[in-house]
Amino acid sequence: MARVLLIEDDDAIRTSLVRSLTAAGHVLTAVAAGADGIAAVARDKPDVVLLDLGLPDLDGRDVLAMMRAVSEVPVIVATARDDDDSMVRLLDAGADDYVIKPFSSAQIDARIRAVLRRGGNGSGEDETIRLGELVVDPRSREVTVGGGSVELTRKEFDLLLALARRPGAVVSKRELLAEVWGMPWGGGDRTVDVHLSWLRRKLGETAAAPRYLHSVRGVGVKLALPDQGG
């Protein structure tokens, strides 16, 4: 069960989703405007947000940006566009997943469960990971290096955690896209590269002089101790 905030201006779609997702065991709060959705995120602290991009008062992308300024709640975007560039831009802007219209309530329910699993709810993989001076705590979503706190965005943390759970193993960009961004078909290598660059900077390293994050050309990325990068 999840507390779901639905932001959808179409009365028929909103009513149908509230009915079906409630029957699936979720607790729904439904609003028809972007401004009301932003207020509900701050007020109700939902577990996940289902956001339609075509809203009457604000562009859905602006709503997403405003949500990301105040919360790291997982956001599933509903859109009519299905081209790769649009999807990559949405994911880079902070969306955790997306569905293409038209969609079924069963598909939405599956996406909700998937983003909550990726976020750590019910995964059972909550043990603190220590790699030398690097410490990753999945429960508190905190990262430290040498005892100093490292401030990461939601996606940066999810990317680091995906690698930290496989220490020393090379993880392909396709695997990272599937696990962190929900894109199992690939096509978004640039998204991984950009987030790796940001993550490296915050960990105090570069691609040319890596400490923990080591790229293996043509294969993927691995997280290893500074003296075990290979």
C-alpha atoms as a PDB file:
ATOM      1  CA  MET A   1       0.000   0.000   0.000  1.00  0.00           C
ATOM      2  CA  ALA A   2       1.214   3.503  -0.820  1.00  0.00           C
ATOM      3  CA  ARG A   3      -0.043   7.022  -0.220  1.00  0.00           C
ATOM      4  CA  VAL A   4      -0.489   8.282  -3.774  1.00  0.00           C
ATOM      5  CA  LEU A   5      -0.952  11.896  -4.860  1.00  0.00           C
ATOM      6  CA  LEU A   6      -2.680  12.040  -8.246  1.00  0.00           C
ATOM      7  CA  ILE A   7      -2.430  15.332 -10.184  1.00  0.00           C
ATOM      8  CA  GLU A   8      -4.778  14.979 -13.156  1.00  0.00           C
ATOM      9  CA  ASP A   9      -7.231  17.522 -14.586  1.00  0.00           C
ATOM     10  CA  ASP A  10      -9.319  15.089 -16.649  1.00  0.00           C
ATOM     11  CA  ASP A  11     -12.332  14.213 -14.472  1.00  0.00           C
ATOM     12  CA  ALA A  12     -12.924  10.809 -16.059  1.00  0.00           C
ATOM     13  CA  ILE A  13      -9.290   9.691 -15.797  1.00  0.00           C
ATOM     14  CA  ARG A  14      -8.972  11.033 -12.250  1.00  0.00           C
ATOM     15  CA  THR A  15     -12.144   9.281 -11.071  1.00  0.00           C
ATOM     16  CA  SER A  16     -11.169   6.008 -12.748  1.00  0.00           C
ATOM     17  CA  LEU A  17      -7.648   5.997 -11.277  1.00  0.00           C
ATOM     18  CA  VAL A  18      -8.875   6.880  -7.796  1.00  0.00           C
ATOM     19  CA  ARG A  19     -11.334   3.985  -7.924  1.00  0.00           C
ATOM     20  CA  SER A  20      -8.922   1.401  -9.335  1.00  0.00           C
ATOM     21  CA  LEU A  21      -5.874   2.343  -7.261  1.00  0.00           C
ATOM     22  CA  THR A  22      -7.950   2.464  -4.078  1.00  0.00           C
ATOM     23  CA  ALA A  23      -9.221  -1.031  -4.925  1.00  0.00           C
ATOM     24  CA  ALA A  24      -5.556  -2.083  -5.306  1.00  0.00           C
ATOM     25  CA  GLY A  25      -4.950  -1.018  -1.687  1.00  0.00           C
ATOM     26  CA  HIS A  26      -3.467   2.453  -2.129  1.00  0.00           C
ATOM     27  CA  VAL A  27      -4.578   5.616  -0.341  1.00  0.00           C
ATOM     28  CA  LEU A  28      -5.349   8.350  -2.876  1.00  0.00           C
ATOM     29  CA  THR A  29      -5.331  12.115  -2.747  1.00  0.00           C
ATOM     30  CA  ALA A  30      -6.462  13.575  -6.066  1.00  0.00           C
ATOM     31  CA  VAL A  31      -6.209  17.173  -7.296  1.00  0.00           C
ATOM     32  CA  ALA A  32      -6.878  18.756 -10.684  1.00  0.00           C
ATOM     33  CA  ALA A  33      -4.310  21.585 -10.757  1.00  0.00           C
ATOM     34  CA  GLY A  34      -0.544  21.902 -10.480  1.00  0.00           C
ATOM     35  CA  ALA A  35      -0.582  24.474  -7.685  1.00  0.00           C
ATOM     36  CA  ASP A  36      -2.819  22.228  -5.578  1.00  0.00           C
ATOM     37  CA  GLY A  37      -0.455  19.336  -6.240  1.00  0.00           C
ATOM     38  CA  ILE A  38       2.597  21.266  -5.057  1.00  0.00           C
ATOM     39  CA  ALA A  39       0.739  22.237  -1.879  1.00  0.00           C
ATOM     40  CA  ALA A  40      -0.337  18.623  -1.320  1.00  0.00           C
ATOM     41  CA  VAL A  41       3.252  17.363  -1.628  1.00  0.00           C
ATOM     42  CA  ALA A  42       4.352  19.680   1.176  1.00  0.00           C
ATOM     43  CA  ARG A  43       1.253  19.066   3.298  1.00  0.00           C
ATOM     44  CA  ASP A  44       0.558  15.340   2.917  1.00  0.00           C
ATOM     45  CA  LYS A  45       4.053  13.875   2.332  1.00  0.00           C
ATOM     46  CA  PRO A  46       2.861  11.219  -0.168  1.00  0.00           C
ATOM     47  CA  ASP A  47       4.892   8.100  -0.945  1.00  0.00           C
ATOM     48  CA  VAL A  48       4.597   8.657  -4.695  1.00  0.00           C
ATOM     49  CA  VAL A  49       3.155  11.247  -7.093  1.00  0.00           C
ATOM     50  CA  LEU A  50       1.416  10.522 -10.399  1.00  0.00           C
ATOM     51  CA  LEU A  51       1.732  13.728 -12.437  1.00  0.00           C
ATOM     52  CA  ASP A  52      -0.071  14.550 -15.678  1.00  0.00           C
ATOM     53  CA  LEU A  53       1.899  17.031 -17.792  1.00  0.00           C
ATOM     54  CA  GLY A  54      -1.151  18.712 -19.380  1.00  0.00           C
ATOM     55  CA  LEU A  55      -2.510  20.769 -16.491  1.00  0.00           C
ATOM     56  CA  PRO A  56      -4.761  23.844 -16.721  1.00  0.00           C
ATOM     57  CA  ASP A  57      -2.773  26.227 -14.527  1.00  0.00           C
ATOM     58  CA  LEU A  58       0.906  25.220 -14.788  1.00  0.00           C
ATOM     59  CA  ASP A  59       3.009  23.220 -17.213  1.00  0.00           C
ATOM     60  CA  GLY A  60       3.620  19.783 -15.731  1.00  0.00           C
ATOM     61  CA  ARG A  61       7.376  20.179 -16.201  1.00  0.00           C
ATOM     62  CA  ASP A  62       7.286  23.318 -14.070  1.00  0.00           C
ATOM     63  CA  VAL A  63       5.288  21.453 -11.434  1.00  0.00           C
ATOM     64  CA  LEU A  64       7.946  18.736 -11.438  1.00  0.00           C
ATOM     65  CA  ALA A  65      10.717  21.314 -11.000  1.00  0.00           C
ATOM     66  CA  MET A  66       8.892  22.980  -8.104  1.00  0.00           C
ATOM     67  CA  MET A  67       8.305  19.616  -6.432  1.00  0.00           C
ATOM     68  CA  ARG A  68      11.965  18.756  -6.747  1.00  0.00           C
ATOM     69  CA  ALA A  69      12.851  22.017  -5.003  1.00  0.00           C
ATOM     70  CA  VAL A  70      10.988  20.919  -1.857  1.00  0.00           C
ATOM     71  CA  SER A  71      10.795  17.106  -1.932  1.00  0.00           C
ATOM     72  CA  GLU A  72      12.444  13.925  -3.204  1.00  0.00           C
ATOM     73  CA  VAL A  73       9.131  12.036  -3.424  1.00  0.00           C
ATOM     74  CA  PRO A  74       9.133   9.612  -6.373  1.00  0.00           C
ATOM     75  CA  VAL A  75       7.262  11.100  -9.344  1.00  0.00           C
ATOM     76  CA  ILE A  76       5.706   9.118 -12.201  1.00  0.00           C
ATOM     77  CA  VAL A  77       4.907  11.368 -15.161  1.00  0.00           C
ATOM     78  CA  ALA A  78       2.010  10.691 -17.519  1.00  0.00           C
ATOM     79  CA  THR A  79       2.684  11.992 -21.022  1.00  0.00           C
ATOM     80  CA  ALA A  80       1.445  11.574 -24.578  1.00  0.00           C
ATOM     81  CA  ARG A  81       4.966  11.938 -26.012  1.00  0.00           C
ATOM     82  CA  ASP A  82       7.033   8.794 -26.493  1.00  0.00           C
ATOM     83  CA  ASP A  83      10.259   9.968 -28.177  1.00  0.00           C
ATOM     84  CA  ASP A  84      13.556   9.231 -26.432  1.00  0.00           C
ATOM     85  CA  ASP A  85      14.683  12.863 -26.182  1.00  0.00           C
ATOM     86  CA  SER A  86      11.517  13.891 -24.341  1.00  0.00           C
ATOM     87  CA  MET A  87      11.803  10.960 -21.979  1.00  0.00           C
ATOM     88  CA  VAL A  88      15.453  11.662 -21.196  1.00  0.00           C
ATOM     89  CA  ARG A  89      14.673  15.326 -20.493  1.00  0.00           C
ATOM     90  CA  LEU A  90      11.891  14.343 -18.093  1.00  0.00           C
ATOM     91  CA  LEU A  91      14.088  11.857 -16.249  1.00  0.00           C
ATOM     92  CA  ASP A  92      16.943  14.344 -16.064  1.00  0.00           C
ATOM     93  CA  ALA A  93      14.504  16.919 -14.684  1.00  0.00           C
ATOM     94  CA  GLY A  94      13.730  14.634 -11.753  1.00  0.00           C
ATOM     95  CA  ALA A  95      11.015  12.222 -12.846  1.00  0.00           C
ATOM     96  CA  ASP A  96      11.496   8.685 -11.546  1.00  0.00           C
ATOM     97  CA  ASP A  97       9.418   6.968 -14.214  1.00  0.00           C
ATOM     98  CA  TYR A  98       6.824   7.742 -16.842  1.00  0.00           C
ATOM     99  CA  VAL A  99       3.835   6.177 -18.584  1.00  0.00           C
ATOM    100  CA  ILE A 100       2.644   6.857 -22.115  1.00  0.00           C
ATOM    101  CA  LYS A 101      -1.012   7.660 -22.670  1.00  0.00           C
ATOM    102  CA  PRO A 102      -3.274   5.798 -22.970  1.00  0.00           C
ATOM    103  CA  PHE A 103      -2.420   3.536 -20.031  1.00  0.00           C
ATOM    104  CA  SER A 104      -4.240   1.037 -17.830  1.00  0.00           C
ATOM    105  CA  SER A 105      -4.716   1.215 -14.079  1.00  0.00           C
ATOM    106  CA  ALA A 106      -2.842  -2.092 -13.775  1.00  0.00           C
ATOM    107  CA  GLN A 107       0.146  -0.503 -15.499  1.00  0.00           C
ATOM    108  CA  ILE A 108       0.045   2.463 -13.106  1.00  0.00           C
ATOM    109  CA  ASP A 109      -0.146   0.136 -10.103  1.00  0.00           C
ATOM    110  CA  ALA A 110       2.895  -1.798 -11.379  1.00  0.00           C
ATOM    111  CA  ARG A 111       4.855   1.432 -11.921  1.00  0.00           C
ATOM    112  CA  ILE A 112       4.028   2.618  -8.399  1.00  0.00           C
ATOM    113  CA  ARG A 113       5.325  -0.621  -6.909  1.00  0.00           C
ATOM    114  CA  ALA A 114       8.429  -0.457  -9.099  1.00  0.00           C
ATOM    115  CA  VAL A 115       9.470   3.081  -8.107  1.00  0.00           C
ATOM    116  CA  LEU A 116       8.907   2.290  -4.444  1.00  0.00           C
ATOM    117  CA  ARG A 117      11.137  -0.786  -4.758  1.00  0.00           C
ATOM    118  CA  ARG A 118      13.834   1.302  -6.427  1.00  0.00           C
ATOM    119  CA  GLY A 119      13.522   3.838  -3.656  1.00  0.00           C
ATOM    120  CA  GLY A 120      14.192   1.164  -1.055  1.00  0.00           C
ATOM    121  CA  ASN A 121      10.684   0.515   0.271  1.00  0.00           C
ATOM    122  CA  GLY A 122      10.392  -3.159   0.998  1.00  0.00           C
ATOM    123  CA  SER A 123      13.618  -4.144  -0.719  1.00  0.00           C
ATOM    124  CA  GLY A 124      15.243  -5.551   2.402  1.00  0.00           C
ATOM    125  CA  GLU A 125      18.590  -4.213   1.204  1.00  0.00           C
ATOM    126  CA  ASP A 126      19.031  -1.596   3.918  1.00  0.00           C
ATOM    127  CA  GLU A 127      22.403  -2.495   5.390  1.00  0.00           C
ATOM    128  CA  THR A 128      24.963   0.310   5.571  1.00  0.00           C
ATOM    129  CA  ILE A 129      27.664  -0.152   2.927  1.00  0.00           C
ATOM    130  CA  ARG A 130      31.265   0.727   3.782  1.00  0.00           C
ATOM    131  CA  LEU A 131      34.019   0.909   1.189  1.00  0.00           C
ATOM    132  CA  GLY A 132      37.095   2.369   2.808  1.00  0.00           C
ATOM    133  CA  GLU A 133      36.247   5.961   3.743  1.00  0.00           C
ATOM    134  CA  LEU A 134      33.037   5.876   1.700  1.00  0.00           C
ATOM    135  CA  VAL A 135      29.886   5.047   3.687  1.00  0.00           C
ATOM    136  CA  VAL A 136      26.450   4.703   2.062  1.00  0.00           C
ATOM    137  CA  ASP A 137      23.386   4.338   4.316  1.00  0.00           C
ATOM    138  CA  PRO A 138      20.276   3.254   2.328  1.00  0.00           C
ATOM    139  CA  ARG A 139      17.931   3.828   5.288  1.00  0.00           C
ATOM    140  CA  SER A 140      18.838   7.452   5.959  1.00  0.00           C
ATOM    141  CA  ARG A 141      19.998   8.053   2.372  1.00  0.00           C
ATOM    142  CA  GLU A 142      23.157   9.623   3.739  1.00  0.00           C
ATOM    143  CA  VAL A 143      26.656   9.421   2.270  1.00  0.00           C
ATOM    144  CA  THR A 144      29.918  10.295   3.959  1.00  0.00           C
ATOM    145  CA  VAL A 145      33.529  10.260   2.787  1.00  0.00           C
ATOM    146  CA  GLY A 146      36.179  10.349   5.486  1.00  0.00           C
ATOM    147  CA  GLY A 147      33.502  11.275   8.006  1.00  0.00           C
ATOM    148  CA  GLY A 148      32.354  14.311   6.007  1.00  0.00           C
ATOM    149  CA  SER A 149      28.797  14.464   4.698  1.00  0.00           C
ATOM    150  CA  VAL A 150      28.242  14.404   0.926  1.00  0.00           C
ATOM    151  CA  GLU A 151      25.051  16.089  -0.278  1.00  0.00           C
ATOM    152  CA  LEU A 152      23.537  14.165  -3.198  1.00  0.00           C
ATOM    153  CA  THR A 153      20.364  14.545  -5.220  1.00  0.00           C
ATOM    154  CA  ARG A 154      17.912  11.640  -5.271  1.00  0.00           C
ATOM    155  CA  LYS A 155      19.209  10.299  -8.575  1.00  0.00           C
ATOM    156  CA  GLU A 156      22.848  10.727  -7.602  1.00  0.00           C
ATOM    157  CA  PHE A 157      22.227   8.736  -4.433  1.00  0.00           C
ATOM    158  CA  ASP A 158      20.298   6.017  -6.299  1.00  0.00           C
ATOM    159  CA  LEU A 159      23.119   5.725  -8.834  1.00  0.00           C
ATOM    160  CA  LEU A 160      25.765   5.474  -6.127  1.00  0.00           C
ATOM    161  CA  LEU A 161      23.701   2.920  -4.196  1.00  0.00           C
ATOM    162  CA  ALA A 162      23.186   0.767  -7.298  1.00  0.00           C
ATOM    163  CA  LEU A 163      26.960   0.603  -7.738  1.00  0.00           C
ATOM    164  CA  ALA A 164      27.749   0.258  -4.020  1.00  0.00           C
ATOM    165  CA  ARG A 165      25.544  -2.825  -3.774  1.00  0.00           C
ATOM    166  CA  ARG A 166      27.861  -4.493  -6.346  1.00  0.00           C
ATOM    167  CA  PRO A 167      31.330  -3.502  -5.092  1.00  0.00           C
ATOM    168  CA  GLY A 168      34.043  -4.358  -7.579  1.00  0.00           C
ATOM    169  CA  ALA A 169      31.565  -5.505 -10.242  1.00  0.00           C
ATOM    170  CA  VAL A 170      31.266  -3.733 -13.575  1.00  0.00           C
ATOM    171  CA  VAL A 171      27.658  -2.593 -14.069  1.00  0.00           C
ATOM    172  CA  SER A 172      26.532  -1.744 -17.583  1.00  0.00           C
ATOM    173  CA  LYS A 173      24.855   1.549 -18.372  1.00  0.00           C
ATOM    174  CA  ARG A 174      21.812  -0.403 -19.545  1.00  0.00           C
ATOM    175  CA  GLU A 175      21.528  -2.001 -16.091  1.00  0.00           C
ATOM    176  CA  LEU A 176      21.879   1.393 -14.431  1.00  0.00           C
ATOM    177  CA  LEU A 177      19.250   2.917 -16.702  1.00  0.00           C
ATOM    178  CA  ALA A 178      16.842   0.108 -15.816  1.00  0.00           C
ATOM    179  CA  GLU A 179      17.454   0.197 -12.079  1.00  0.00           C
ATOM    180  CA  VAL A 180      17.846   3.923 -11.432  1.00  0.00           C
ATOM    181  CA  TRP A 181      15.787   5.509 -14.219  1.00  0.00           C
ATOM    182  CA  GLY A 182      13.370   2.744 -15.175  1.00  0.00           C
ATOM    183  CA  MET A 183      14.602   2.636 -18.792  1.00  0.00           C
ATOM    184  CA  PRO A 184      15.319  -1.068 -19.496  1.00  0.00           C
ATOM    185  CA  TRP A 185      15.470  -0.514 -23.267  1.00  0.00           C
ATOM    186  CA  GLY A 186      18.552   1.735 -23.073  1.00  0.00           C
ATOM    187  CA  GLY A 187      19.027   4.795 -25.249  1.00  0.00           C
ATOM    188  CA  GLY A 188      19.960   7.158 -22.404  1.00  0.00           C
ATOM    189  CA  ASP A 189      23.695   6.714 -21.947  1.00  0.00           C
ATOM    190  CA  ARG A 190      24.078  10.480 -21.778  1.00  0.00           C
ATOM    191  CA  THR A 191      21.860  10.529 -18.699  1.00  0.00           C
ATOM    192  CA  VAL A 192      24.182   8.084 -16.907  1.00  0.00           C
ATOM    193  CA  ASP A 193      27.304   9.954 -18.023  1.00  0.00           C
ATOM    194  CA  VAL A 194      26.001  13.311 -16.788  1.00  0.00           C
ATOM    195  CA  HIS A 195      24.987  11.963 -13.392  1.00  0.00           C
ATOM    196  CA  LEU A 196      28.291  10.115 -13.048  1.00  0.00           C
ATOM    197  CA  SER A 197      30.103  13.389 -13.723  1.00  0.00           C
ATOM    198  CA  TRP A 198      28.100  15.165 -11.009  1.00  0.00           C
ATOM    199  CA  LEU A 199      28.612  12.272  -8.595  1.00  0.00           C
ATOM    200  CA  ARG A 200      32.363  12.166  -9.213  1.00  0.00           C
ATOM    201  CA  ARG A 201      32.663  15.878  -8.513  1.00  0.00           C
ATOM    202  CA  LYS A 202      30.854  15.509  -5.183  1.00  0.00           C
ATOM    203  CA  LEU A 203      33.044  12.543  -4.223  1.00  0.00           C
ATOM    204  CA  GLY A 204      36.153  14.626  -4.956  1.00  0.00           C
ATOM    205  CA  GLU A 205      37.329  12.854  -8.082  1.00  0.00           C
ATOM    206  CA  THR A 206      37.280  13.076 -11.873  1.00  0.00           C
ATOM    207  CA  ALA A 207      37.001  10.592 -14.729  1.00  0.00           C
ATOM    208  CA  ALA A 208      40.696  11.144 -15.438  1.00  0.00           C
ATOM    209  CA  ALA A 209      41.680  10.630 -11.790  1.00  0.00           C
ATOM    210  CA  PRO A 210      39.062   8.310 -10.253  1.00  0.00           C
ATOM    211  CA  ARG A 211      39.052   7.221  -6.609  1.00  0.00           C
ATOM    212  CA  TYR A 212      35.878   5.126  -6.315  1.00  0.00           C
ATOM    213  CA  LEU A 213      34.039   5.360  -9.657  1.00  0.00           C
ATOM    214  CA  HIS A 214      35.920   3.588 -12.441  1.00  0.00           C
ATOM    215  CA  SER A 215      34.680   3.497 -16.034  1.00  0.00           C
ATOM    216  CA  VAL A 216      35.437   0.404 -18.105  1.00  0.00           C
ATOM    217  CA  ARG A 217      35.322   1.485 -21.733  1.00  0.00           C
ATOM    218  CA  GLY A 218      32.627  -0.265 -23.717  1.00  0.00           C
ATOM    219  CA  VAL A 219      31.398  -2.209 -20.683  1.00  0.00           C
ATOM    220  CA  GLY A 220      30.183   0.014 -17.847  1.00  0.00           C
ATOM    221  CA  VAL A 221      31.131   1.399 -14.436  1.00  0.00           C
ATOM    222  CA  LYS A 222      32.306  -0.117 -11.182  1.00  0.00           C
ATOM    223  CA  LEU A 223      32.672   1.136  -7.634  1.00  0.00           C
ATOM    224  CA  ALA A 224      35.899   0.012  -6.003  1.00  0.00           C
ATOM    225  CA  LEU A 225      38.281   1.029  -3.242  1.00  0.00           C
ATOM    226  CA  PRO A 226      40.856   3.631  -4.327  1.00  0.00           C
ATOM    227  CA  ASP A 227      43.637   1.026  -4.467  1.00  0.00           C
ATOM    228  CA  GLN A 228      41.493  -1.593  -6.215  1.00  0.00           C
ATOM    229  CA  GLY A 229      40.273   0.300  -9.245  1.00  0.00           C
ATOM    230  CA  GLY A 230      42.330  -1.632 -11.707  1.00  0.00           C
END
